[in-house]
Every structure is written in C-alpha cells, then in structure tokens.
Amino acid sequence: PKPSVSWVKGETIVKETARIAVLDSGNLRIH
C-alpha cells in the first residue's frame, strides 16, 4: 500500500485541497 504522507507546518497539519497536492514522491505542490 502507498504510505500516507502528511506535512506539518508549526502545529497545523497541511491537508490536500484543490490548491495543495502531495505528489507521489512526497513533495508538496501548492497551486
């Protein structure tokens, strides 16, 4: 199974939205 990737900024977890996508490589892309 694909590992889940979560990004944390400060104490806020960055969730995937229409603007933010976590790529397969684990990188964070913001549109």
C-alpha atoms as a PDB file:
ATOM      1  CA  PRO A   1       0.000   0.000   0.000  1.00  0.00           C
ATOM      2  CA  LYS A   2       1.036   3.571  -0.632  1.00  0.00           C
ATOM      3  CA  PRO A   3       2.297   5.250   2.537  1.00  0.00           C
ATOM      4  CA  SER A   4       0.333   8.242   3.692  1.00  0.00           C
ATOM      5  CA  VAL A   5       2.278  11.487   3.670  1.00  0.00           C
ATOM      6  CA  SER A   6       1.343  14.340   5.952  1.00  0.00           C
ATOM      7  CA  TRP A   7       3.026  17.722   6.117  1.00  0.00           C
ATOM      8  CA  VAL A   8       3.075  19.738   9.301  1.00  0.00           C
ATOM      9  CA  LYS A   9       3.633  23.497   9.434  1.00  0.00           C
ATOM     10  CA  GLY A  10       4.034  24.549  13.035  1.00  0.00           C
ATOM     11  CA  GLU A  11       1.290  22.568  14.704  1.00  0.00           C
ATOM     12  CA  THR A  12      -1.045  22.643  11.713  1.00  0.00           C
ATOM     13  CA  ILE A  13      -1.290  19.573   9.513  1.00  0.00           C
ATOM     14  CA  VAL A  14      -1.360  20.536   5.841  1.00  0.00           C
ATOM     15  CA  LYS A  15      -4.191  18.656   4.157  1.00  0.00           C
ATOM     16  CA  GLU A  16      -4.648  18.050   0.461  1.00  0.00           C
ATOM     17  CA  THR A  17      -7.052  20.552  -1.060  1.00  0.00           C
ATOM     18  CA  ALA A  18      -7.729  21.952  -4.511  1.00  0.00           C
ATOM     19  CA  ARG A  19      -4.651  24.181  -4.047  1.00  0.00           C
ATOM     20  CA  ILE A  20      -2.333  21.760  -2.267  1.00  0.00           C
ATOM     21  CA  ALA A  21      -1.323  18.365  -3.590  1.00  0.00           C
ATOM     22  CA  VAL A  22       1.117  15.821  -2.184  1.00  0.00           C
ATOM     23  CA  LEU A  23       2.983  14.259  -5.080  1.00  0.00           C
ATOM     24  CA  ASP A  24       3.838  10.563  -5.270  1.00  0.00           C
ATOM     25  CA  SER A  25       7.432  11.467  -4.403  1.00  0.00           C
ATOM     26  CA  GLY A  26       6.211  13.024  -1.164  1.00  0.00           C
ATOM     27  CA  ASN A  27       6.852  16.579  -2.306  1.00  0.00           C
ATOM     28  CA  LEU A  28       4.301  19.262  -1.589  1.00  0.00           C
ATOM     29  CA  ARG A  29       2.889  21.224  -4.514  1.00  0.00           C
ATOM     30  CA  ILE A  30       0.846  24.374  -3.995  1.00  0.00           C
ATOM     31  CA  HIS A  31      -1.084  25.786  -6.939  1.00  0.00           C
END
